[in-house]
């Protein structure tokens, strides 16, 4: 496949690099599932029995988890090539 100024295989390398970056990010953020804690790891409040049964390996109480979820911002994808329009301007 012709790639303009790109060398052969450059597109495949870009796709592979994007996939590897995302896999590394997911592995770094992977939670260890084990025994649930009886008290929250952040605020030391008791974690209800129903939550510990429903979510094996839970470490945070509901309030702390909601705060963490609210602070989470999804990562935008990486455009390694840029659009053709931006290259022409």
PDB file of N, CA and C in Angstrom:
ATOM      1  N   UNK A   1       0.848  -1.180   0.000  1.00  0.00           N
ATOM      2  CA  UNK A   1       0.000   0.000   0.000  1.00  0.00           C
ATOM      3  C   UNK A   1       0.892   1.241   0.000  1.00  0.00           C
ATOM      4  N   UNK A   2       0.553   2.171  -0.846  1.00  0.00           N
ATOM      5  CA  UNK A   2       1.318   3.410  -0.927  1.00  0.00           C
ATOM      6  C   UNK A   2       1.008   4.278   0.274  1.00  0.00           C
ATOM      7  N   UNK A   3       2.029   4.848   0.860  1.00  0.00           N
ATOM      8  CA  UNK A   3       1.824   5.655   2.053  1.00  0.00           C
ATOM      9  C   UNK A   3       2.326   7.079   1.910  1.00  0.00           C
ATOM     10  N   UNK A   4       2.438   7.573   0.692  1.00  0.00           N
ATOM     11  CA  UNK A   4       2.935   8.935   0.525  1.00  0.00           C
ATOM     12  C   UNK A   4       4.403   8.999   0.895  1.00  0.00           C
ATOM     13  N   UNK A   5       4.734   9.852   1.856  1.00  0.00           N
ATOM     14  CA  UNK A   5       6.117  10.020   2.287  1.00  0.00           C
ATOM     15  C   UNK A   5       6.535   8.982   3.317  1.00  0.00           C
ATOM     16  N   UNK A   6       5.568   8.239   3.848  1.00  0.00           N
ATOM     17  CA  UNK A   6       5.874   7.241   4.884  1.00  0.00           C
ATOM     18  C   UNK A   6       6.564   6.035   4.260  1.00  0.00           C
ATOM     19  N   UNK A   7       7.467   5.434   5.007  1.00  0.00           N
ATOM     20  CA  UNK A   7       8.148   4.237   4.517  1.00  0.00           C
ATOM     21  C   UNK A   7       7.200   3.034   4.613  1.00  0.00           C
ATOM     22  N   UNK A   8       7.546   1.955   3.962  1.00  0.00           N
ATOM     23  CA  UNK A   8       6.717   0.757   3.989  1.00  0.00           C
ATOM     24  C   UNK A   8       6.565   0.240   5.417  1.00  0.00           C
ATOM     25  N   UNK A   9       5.340  -0.078   5.798  1.00  0.00           N
ATOM     26  CA  UNK A   9       5.082  -0.629   7.120  1.00  0.00           C
ATOM     27  C   UNK A   9       4.895   0.407   8.209  1.00  0.00           C
ATOM     28  N   UNK A  10       4.990   1.692   7.880  1.00  0.00           N
ATOM     29  CA  UNK A  10       4.885   2.743   8.898  1.00  0.00           C
ATOM     30  C   UNK A  10       3.494   2.773   9.527  1.00  0.00           C
ATOM     31  N   UNK A  11       2.464   2.568   8.716  1.00  0.00           N
ATOM     32  CA  UNK A  11       1.097   2.591   9.238  1.00  0.00           C
ATOM     33  C   UNK A  11       0.895   1.435  10.203  1.00  0.00           C
ATOM     34  N   UNK A  12       1.373   0.260   9.829  1.00  0.00           N
ATOM     35  CA  UNK A  12       1.261  -0.898  10.711  1.00  0.00           C
ATOM     36  C   UNK A  12       2.004  -0.678  12.020  1.00  0.00           C
ATOM     37  N   UNK A  13       3.175  -0.059  11.943  1.00  0.00           N
ATOM     38  CA  UNK A  13       3.944   0.242  13.146  1.00  0.00           C
ATOM     39  C   UNK A  13       3.198   1.225  14.043  1.00  0.00           C
ATOM     40  N   UNK A  14       2.542   2.206  13.458  1.00  0.00           N
ATOM     41  CA  UNK A  14       1.776   3.174  14.233  1.00  0.00           C
ATOM     42  C   UNK A  14       0.601   2.501  14.941  1.00  0.00           C
ATOM     43  N   UNK A  15      -0.096   1.638  14.233  1.00  0.00           N
ATOM     44  CA  UNK A  15      -1.226   0.915  14.830  1.00  0.00           C
ATOM     45  C   UNK A  15      -0.726   0.028  15.963  1.00  0.00           C
ATOM     46  N   UNK A  16       0.353  -0.686  15.720  1.00  0.00           N
ATOM     47  CA  UNK A  16       0.925  -1.562  16.743  1.00  0.00           C
ATOM     48  C   UNK A  16       1.380  -0.771  17.972  1.00  0.00           C
ATOM     49  N   UNK A  17       1.997   0.391  17.757  1.00  0.00           N
ATOM     50  CA  UNK A  17       2.451   1.225  18.868  1.00  0.00           C
ATOM     51  C   UNK A  17       1.271   1.732  19.688  1.00  0.00           C
ATOM     52  N   UNK A  18       0.186   2.108  19.017  1.00  0.00           N
ATOM     53  CA  UNK A  18      -1.006   2.576  19.728  1.00  0.00           C
ATOM     54  C   UNK A  18      -1.595   1.458  20.576  1.00  0.00           C
ATOM     55  N   UNK A  19      -1.680   0.275  20.027  1.00  0.00           N
ATOM     56  CA  UNK A  19      -2.217  -0.877  20.759  1.00  0.00           C
ATOM     57  C   UNK A  19      -1.321  -1.203  21.952  1.00  0.00           C
ATOM     58  N   UNK A  20      -0.005  -1.221  21.751  1.00  0.00           N
ATOM     59  CA  UNK A  20       0.930  -1.517  22.842  1.00  0.00           C
ATOM     60  C   UNK A  20       0.856  -0.478  23.955  1.00  0.00           C
ATOM     61  N   UNK A  21       0.701   0.803  23.575  1.00  0.00           N
ATOM     62  CA  UNK A  21       0.564   1.865  24.581  1.00  0.00           C
ATOM     63  C   UNK A  21      -0.680   1.649  25.432  1.00  0.00           C
ATOM     64  N   UNK A  22      -1.780   1.313  24.771  1.00  0.00           N
ATOM     65  CA  UNK A  22      -3.038   1.114  25.500  1.00  0.00           C
ATOM     66  C   UNK A  22      -2.971  -0.121  26.389  1.00  0.00           C
ATOM     67  N   UNK A  23      -2.367  -1.202  25.904  1.00  0.00           N
ATOM     68  CA  UNK A  23      -2.214  -2.407  26.721  1.00  0.00           C
ATOM     69  C   UNK A  23      -1.340  -2.135  27.947  1.00  0.00           C
ATOM     70  N   UNK A  24      -0.279  -1.377  27.772  1.00  0.00           N
ATOM     71  CA  UNK A  24       0.589  -1.037  28.907  1.00  0.00           C
ATOM     72  C   UNK A  24      -0.168  -0.200  29.932  1.00  0.00           C
ATOM     73  N   UNK A  25      -0.992   0.735  29.445  1.00  0.00           N
ATOM     74  CA  UNK A  25      -1.785   1.565  30.353  1.00  0.00           C
ATOM     75  C   UNK A  25      -2.782   0.719  31.129  1.00  0.00           C
ATOM     76  N   UNK A  26      -3.436  -0.219  30.454  1.00  0.00           N
ATOM     77  CA  UNK A  26      -4.413  -1.081  31.121  1.00  0.00           C
ATOM     78  C   UNK A  26      -3.751  -1.991  32.146  1.00  0.00           C
ATOM     79  N   UNK A  27      -2.579  -2.523  31.806  1.00  0.00           N
ATOM     80  CA  UNK A  27      -1.879  -3.386  32.755  1.00  0.00           C
ATOM     81  C   UNK A  27      -1.440  -2.615  33.986  1.00  0.00           C
ATOM     82  N   UNK A  28      -1.046  -1.366  33.807  1.00  0.00           N
ATOM     83  CA  UNK A  28      -0.606  -0.543  34.937  1.00  0.00           C
ATOM     84  C   UNK A  28      -1.765  -0.208  35.869  1.00  0.00           C
ATOM     85  N   UNK A  29      -2.969  -0.068  35.304  1.00  0.00           N
ATOM     86  CA  UNK A  29      -4.133   0.299  36.102  1.00  0.00           C
ATOM     87  C   UNK A  29      -4.934  -0.903  36.586  1.00  0.00           C
ATOM     88  N   UNK A  30      -4.479  -2.094  36.254  1.00  0.00           N
ATOM     89  CA  UNK A  30      -5.230  -3.295  36.607  1.00  0.00           C
ATOM     90  C   UNK A  30      -5.303  -3.450  38.128  1.00  0.00           C
ATOM     91  N   UNK A  31      -6.527  -3.615  38.614  1.00  0.00           N
ATOM     92  CA  UNK A  31      -6.710  -3.800  40.047  1.00  0.00           C
ATOM     93  C   UNK A  31      -6.433  -5.245  40.403  1.00  0.00           C
ATOM     94  N   UNK A  32      -5.805  -5.459  41.518  1.00  0.00           N
ATOM     95  CA  UNK A  32      -5.583  -6.814  41.987  1.00  0.00           C
ATOM     96  C   UNK A  32      -6.839  -7.284  42.699  1.00  0.00           C
ATOM     97  N   UNK A  33      -7.417  -8.369  42.220  1.00  0.00           N
ATOM     98  CA  UNK A  33      -8.598  -8.910  42.857  1.00  0.00           C
ATOM     99  C   UNK A  33      -8.139  -9.916  43.898  1.00  0.00           C
ATOM    100  N   UNK A  34      -8.565  -9.715  45.081  1.00  0.00           N
ATOM    101  CA  UNK A  34      -8.221 -10.602  46.178  1.00  0.00           C
ATOM    102  C   UNK A  34      -9.346 -10.521  47.194  1.00  0.00           C
ATOM    103  N   UNK A  35      -8.993 -10.643  48.432  1.00  0.00           N
ATOM    104  CA  UNK A  35      -9.990 -10.545  49.481  1.00  0.00           C
ATOM    105  C   UNK A  35     -10.383  -9.084  49.686  1.00  0.00           C
ATOM    106  N   UNK A  36     -11.678  -8.862  49.872  1.00  0.00           N
ATOM    107  CA  UNK A  36     -12.168  -7.508  50.116  1.00  0.00           C
ATOM    108  C   UNK A  36     -11.722  -7.023  51.488  1.00  0.00           C
ATOM    109  N   UNK A  37     -11.491  -5.735  51.578  1.00  0.00           N
ATOM    110  CA  UNK A  37     -11.165  -5.136  52.867  1.00  0.00           C
ATOM    111  C   UNK A  37     -12.452  -4.905  53.662  1.00  0.00           C
ATOM    112  N   UNK A  38     -12.351  -4.946  54.974  1.00  0.00           N
ATOM    113  CA  UNK A  38     -13.527  -4.675  55.808  1.00  0.00           C
ATOM    114  C   UNK A  38     -13.686  -3.179  56.042  1.00  0.00           C
ATOM    115  N   UNK A  39     -12.594  -2.420  55.905  1.00  0.00           N
ATOM    116  CA  UNK A  39     -12.626  -0.967  56.077  1.00  0.00           C
ATOM    117  C   UNK A  39     -11.960  -0.307  54.865  1.00  0.00           C
ATOM    118  N   UNK A  40     -12.437   0.853  54.510  1.00  0.00           N
ATOM    119  CA  UNK A  40     -11.955   1.596  53.342  1.00  0.00           C
ATOM    120  C   UNK A  40     -10.455   1.882  53.462  1.00  0.00           C
ATOM    121  N   UNK A  41      -9.741   1.729  52.356  1.00  0.00           N
ATOM    122  CA  UNK A  41      -8.297   1.966  52.327  1.00  0.00           C
ATOM    123  C   UNK A  41      -7.954   3.450  52.457  1.00  0.00           C
ATOM    124  N   UNK A  42      -8.914   4.330  52.162  1.00  0.00           N
ATOM    125  CA  UNK A  42      -8.632   5.764  52.218  1.00  0.00           C
ATOM    126  C   UNK A  42      -9.151   6.433  53.483  1.00  0.00           C
ATOM    127  N   UNK A  43     -10.398   6.130  53.868  1.00  0.00           N
ATOM    128  CA  UNK A  43     -10.993   6.866  54.987  1.00  0.00           C
ATOM    129  C   UNK A  43     -11.246   6.007  56.230  1.00  0.00           C
ATOM    130  N   UNK A  44     -10.966   4.723  56.147  1.00  0.00           N
ATOM    131  CA  UNK A  44     -11.116   3.791  57.278  1.00  0.00           C
ATOM    132  C   UNK A  44     -12.566   3.538  57.717  1.00  0.00           C
ATOM    133  N   UNK A  45     -13.543   3.997  56.912  1.00  0.00           N
ATOM    134  CA  UNK A  45     -14.948   3.704  57.219  1.00  0.00           C
ATOM    135  C   UNK A  45     -15.225   2.238  56.892  1.00  0.00           C
ATOM    136  N   UNK A  46     -16.149   1.597  57.642  1.00  0.00           N
ATOM    137  CA  UNK A  46     -16.480   0.196  57.346  1.00  0.00           C
ATOM    138  C   UNK A  46     -17.126   0.057  55.962  1.00  0.00           C
ATOM    139  N   UNK A  47     -16.748  -0.997  55.260  1.00  0.00           N
ATOM    140  CA  UNK A  47     -17.360  -1.303  53.967  1.00  0.00           C
ATOM    141  C   UNK A  47     -18.484  -2.298  54.231  1.00  0.00           C
ATOM    142  N   UNK A  48     -19.720  -2.006  53.788  1.00  0.00           N
ATOM    143  CA  UNK A  48     -20.845  -2.904  54.056  1.00  0.00           C
ATOM    144  C   UNK A  48     -20.611  -4.311  53.479  1.00  0.00           C
ATOM    145  N   UNK A  49     -21.127  -5.305  54.183  1.00  0.00           N
ATOM    146  CA  UNK A  49     -20.992  -6.708  53.782  1.00  0.00           C
ATOM    147  C   UNK A  49     -21.524  -6.926  52.367  1.00  0.00           C
ATOM    148  N   UNK A  50     -22.667  -6.328  52.046  1.00  0.00           N
ATOM    149  CA  UNK A  50     -23.275  -6.511  50.717  1.00  0.00           C
ATOM    150  C   UNK A  50     -22.327  -6.020  49.615  1.00  0.00           C
ATOM    151  N   UNK A  51     -21.627  -4.919  49.841  1.00  0.00           N
ATOM    152  CA  UNK A  51     -20.678  -4.397  48.846  1.00  0.00           C
ATOM    153  C   UNK A  51     -19.496  -5.341  48.691  1.00  0.00           C
ATOM    154  N   UNK A  52     -19.003  -5.874  49.806  1.00  0.00           N
ATOM    155  CA  UNK A  52     -17.860  -6.794  49.741  1.00  0.00           C
ATOM    156  C   UNK A  52     -18.219  -8.079  49.005  1.00  0.00           C
ATOM    157  N   UNK A  53     -19.455  -8.543  49.157  1.00  0.00           N
ATOM    158  CA  UNK A  53     -19.894  -9.758  48.465  1.00  0.00           C
ATOM    159  C   UNK A  53     -20.112  -9.476  46.977  1.00  0.00           C
ATOM    160  N   UNK A  54     -20.716  -8.329  46.674  1.00  0.00           N
ATOM    161  CA  UNK A  54     -21.033  -7.981  45.286  1.00  0.00           C
ATOM    162  C   UNK A  54     -19.787  -7.679  44.461  1.00  0.00           C
ATOM    163  N   UNK A  55     -18.770  -7.084  45.083  1.00  0.00           N
ATOM    164  CA  UNK A  55     -17.546  -6.704  44.381  1.00  0.00           C
ATOM    165  C   UNK A  55     -16.337  -7.338  45.054  1.00  0.00           C
ATOM    166  N   UNK A  56     -15.988  -8.563  44.685  1.00  0.00           N
ATOM    167  CA  UNK A  56     -14.823  -9.204  45.295  1.00  0.00           C
ATOM    168  C   UNK A  56     -13.563  -8.353  45.091  1.00  0.00           C
ATOM    169  N   UNK A  57     -12.803  -8.195  46.144  1.00  0.00           N
ATOM    170  CA  UNK A  57     -11.569  -7.426  46.062  1.00  0.00           C
ATOM    171  C   UNK A  57     -11.758  -5.934  46.263  1.00  0.00           C
ATOM    172  N   UNK A  58     -12.947  -5.516  46.703  1.00  0.00           N
ATOM    173  CA  UNK A  58     -13.212  -4.084  46.877  1.00  0.00           C
ATOM    174  C   UNK A  58     -12.325  -3.510  47.991  1.00  0.00           C
ATOM    175  N   UNK A  59     -11.792  -2.329  47.734  1.00  0.00           N
ATOM    176  CA  UNK A  59     -10.866  -1.687  48.681  1.00  0.00           C
ATOM    177  C   UNK A  59     -11.387  -0.351  49.210  1.00  0.00           C
ATOM    178  N   UNK A  60     -12.396   0.227  48.536  1.00  0.00           N
ATOM    179  CA  UNK A  60     -12.889   1.553  48.897  1.00  0.00           C
ATOM    180  C   UNK A  60     -14.372   1.513  49.254  1.00  0.00           C
ATOM    181  N   UNK A  61     -14.762   2.439  50.150  1.00  0.00           N
ATOM    182  CA  UNK A  61     -16.181   2.581  50.472  1.00  0.00           C
ATOM    183  C   UNK A  61     -16.870   3.273  49.288  1.00  0.00           C
ATOM    184  N   UNK A  62     -18.172   3.341  49.325  1.00  0.00           N
ATOM    185  CA  UNK A  62     -18.931   3.913  48.206  1.00  0.00           C
ATOM    186  C   UNK A  62     -18.569   5.382  47.990  1.00  0.00           C
ATOM    187  N   UNK A  63     -18.484   6.156  49.077  1.00  0.00           N
ATOM    188  CA  UNK A  63     -18.176   7.587  48.940  1.00  0.00           C
ATOM    189  C   UNK A  63     -16.807   7.819  48.303  1.00  0.00           C
ATOM    190  N   UNK A  64     -15.795   7.111  48.778  1.00  0.00           N
ATOM    191  CA  UNK A  64     -14.444   7.270  48.218  1.00  0.00           C
ATOM    192  C   UNK A  64     -14.390   6.813  46.766  1.00  0.00           C
ATOM    193  N   UNK A  65     -15.112   5.738  46.440  1.00  0.00           N
ATOM    194  CA  UNK A  65     -15.138   5.255  45.060  1.00  0.00           C
ATOM    195  C   UNK A  65     -15.817   6.267  44.147  1.00  0.00           C
ATOM    196  N   UNK A  66     -16.899   6.883  44.623  1.00  0.00           N
ATOM    197  CA  UNK A  66     -17.589   7.898  43.825  1.00  0.00           C
ATOM    198  C   UNK A  66     -16.690   9.111  43.585  1.00  0.00           C
ATOM    199  N   UNK A  67     -15.927   9.515  44.591  1.00  0.00           N
ATOM    200  CA  UNK A  67     -14.989  10.628  44.419  1.00  0.00           C
ATOM    201  C   UNK A  67     -13.921  10.284  43.379  1.00  0.00           C
ATOM    202  N   UNK A  68     -13.413   9.062  43.447  1.00  0.00           N
ATOM    203  CA  UNK A  68     -12.382   8.627  42.503  1.00  0.00           C
ATOM    204  C   UNK A  68     -12.952   8.550  41.085  1.00  0.00           C
ATOM    205  N   UNK A  69     -14.183   8.038  40.953  1.00  0.00           N
ATOM    206  CA  UNK A  69     -14.814   7.940  39.637  1.00  0.00           C
ATOM    207  C   UNK A  69     -15.075   9.326  39.043  1.00  0.00           C
ATOM    208  N   UNK A  70     -15.471  10.280  39.897  1.00  0.00           N
ATOM    209  CA  UNK A  70     -15.740  11.633  39.419  1.00  0.00           C
ATOM    210  C   UNK A  70     -14.451  12.307  38.947  1.00  0.00           C
ATOM    211  N   UNK A  71     -13.329  11.985  39.568  1.00  0.00           N
ATOM    212  CA  UNK A  71     -12.048  12.592  39.202  1.00  0.00           C
ATOM    213  C   UNK A  71     -11.447  11.964  37.948  1.00  0.00           C
ATOM    214  N   UNK A  72     -11.926  10.778  37.563  1.00  0.00           N
ATOM    215  CA  UNK A  72     -11.380  10.067  36.404  1.00  0.00           C
ATOM    216  C   UNK A  72     -11.765  10.779  35.121  1.00  0.00           C
ATOM    217  N   UNK A  73     -10.789  10.997  34.259  1.00  0.00           N
ATOM    218  CA  UNK A  73     -11.049  11.589  32.957  1.00  0.00           C
ATOM    219  C   UNK A  73     -10.565  10.608  31.900  1.00  0.00           C
ATOM    220  N   UNK A  74     -11.475  10.183  31.019  1.00  0.00           N
ATOM    221  CA  UNK A  74     -11.056   9.233  29.987  1.00  0.00           C
ATOM    222  C   UNK A  74      -9.948   9.810  29.122  1.00  0.00           C
ATOM    223  N   UNK A  75      -9.064   8.940  28.713  1.00  0.00           N
ATOM    224  CA  UNK A  75      -7.942   9.333  27.877  1.00  0.00           C
ATOM    225  C   UNK A  75      -8.389   9.443  26.433  1.00  0.00           C
ATOM    226  N   UNK A  76      -8.008  10.486  25.779  1.00  0.00           N
ATOM    227  CA  UNK A  76      -8.316  10.639  24.360  1.00  0.00           C
ATOM    228  C   UNK A  76      -7.348   9.785  23.552  1.00  0.00           C
ATOM    229  N   UNK A  77      -7.792   9.344  22.413  1.00  0.00           N
ATOM    230  CA  UNK A  77      -6.922   8.569  21.541  1.00  0.00           C
ATOM    231  C   UNK A  77      -5.795   9.434  21.004  1.00  0.00           C
ATOM    232  N   UNK A  78      -4.755   8.810  20.571  1.00  0.00           N
ATOM    233  CA  UNK A  78      -3.598   9.531  20.050  1.00  0.00           C
ATOM    234  C   UNK A  78      -3.640   9.475  18.532  1.00  0.00           C
ATOM    235  N   UNK A  79      -3.612  10.623  17.914  1.00  0.00           N
ATOM    236  CA  UNK A  79      -3.567  10.695  16.462  1.00  0.00           C
ATOM    237  C   UNK A  79      -2.105  10.839  16.071  1.00  0.00           C
ATOM    238  N   UNK A  80      -1.477   9.720  15.745  1.00  0.00           N
ATOM    239  CA  UNK A  80      -0.044   9.735  15.467  1.00  0.00           C
ATOM    240  C   UNK A  80       0.298  10.334  14.101  1.00  0.00           C
ATOM    241  N   UNK A  81      -0.632  10.308  13.170  1.00  0.00           N
ATOM    242  CA  UNK A  81      -0.330  10.808  11.830  1.00  0.00           C
ATOM    243  C   UNK A  81      -0.791  12.235  11.634  1.00  0.00           C
ATOM    244  N   UNK A  82      -1.816  12.638  12.297  1.00  0.00           N
ATOM    245  CA  UNK A  82      -2.398  13.952  12.040  1.00  0.00           C
ATOM    246  C   UNK A  82      -3.294  13.871  10.824  1.00  0.00           C
ATOM    247  N   UNK A  83      -4.195  14.790  10.707  1.00  0.00           N
ATOM    248  CA  UNK A  83      -5.097  14.755   9.553  1.00  0.00           C
ATOM    249  C   UNK A  83      -4.402  15.335   8.333  1.00  0.00           C
ATOM    250  N   UNK A  84      -4.875  14.945   7.154  1.00  0.00           N
ATOM    251  CA  UNK A  84      -4.292  15.464   5.930  1.00  0.00           C
ATOM    252  C   UNK A  84      -4.553  16.962   5.821  1.00  0.00           C
ATOM    253  N   UNK A  85      -5.714  17.398   6.314  1.00  0.00           N
ATOM    254  CA  UNK A  85      -6.034  18.831   6.258  1.00  0.00           C
ATOM    255  C   UNK A  85      -5.000  19.642   7.026  1.00  0.00           C
ATOM    256  N   UNK A  86      -4.616  19.164   8.209  1.00  0.00           N
ATOM    257  CA  UNK A  86      -3.659  19.918   9.007  1.00  0.00           C
ATOM    258  C   UNK A  86      -2.267  19.934   8.358  1.00  0.00           C
ATOM    259  N   UNK A  87      -1.975  18.931   7.553  1.00  0.00           N
ATOM    260  CA  UNK A  87      -0.680  18.875   6.897  1.00  0.00           C
ATOM    261  C   UNK A  87      -0.631  19.780   5.670  1.00  0.00           C
ATOM    262  N   UNK A  88      -1.797  20.065   5.097  1.00  0.00           N
ATOM    263  CA  UNK A  88      -1.847  20.883   3.887  1.00  0.00           C
ATOM    264  C   UNK A  88      -1.861  22.376   4.183  1.00  0.00           C
ATOM    265  N   UNK A  89      -2.201  22.757   5.400  1.00  0.00           N
ATOM    266  CA  UNK A  89      -2.322  24.189   5.736  1.00  0.00           C
ATOM    267  C   UNK A  89      -0.971  24.805   6.003  1.00  0.00           C
TER     268      UNK A  89
END
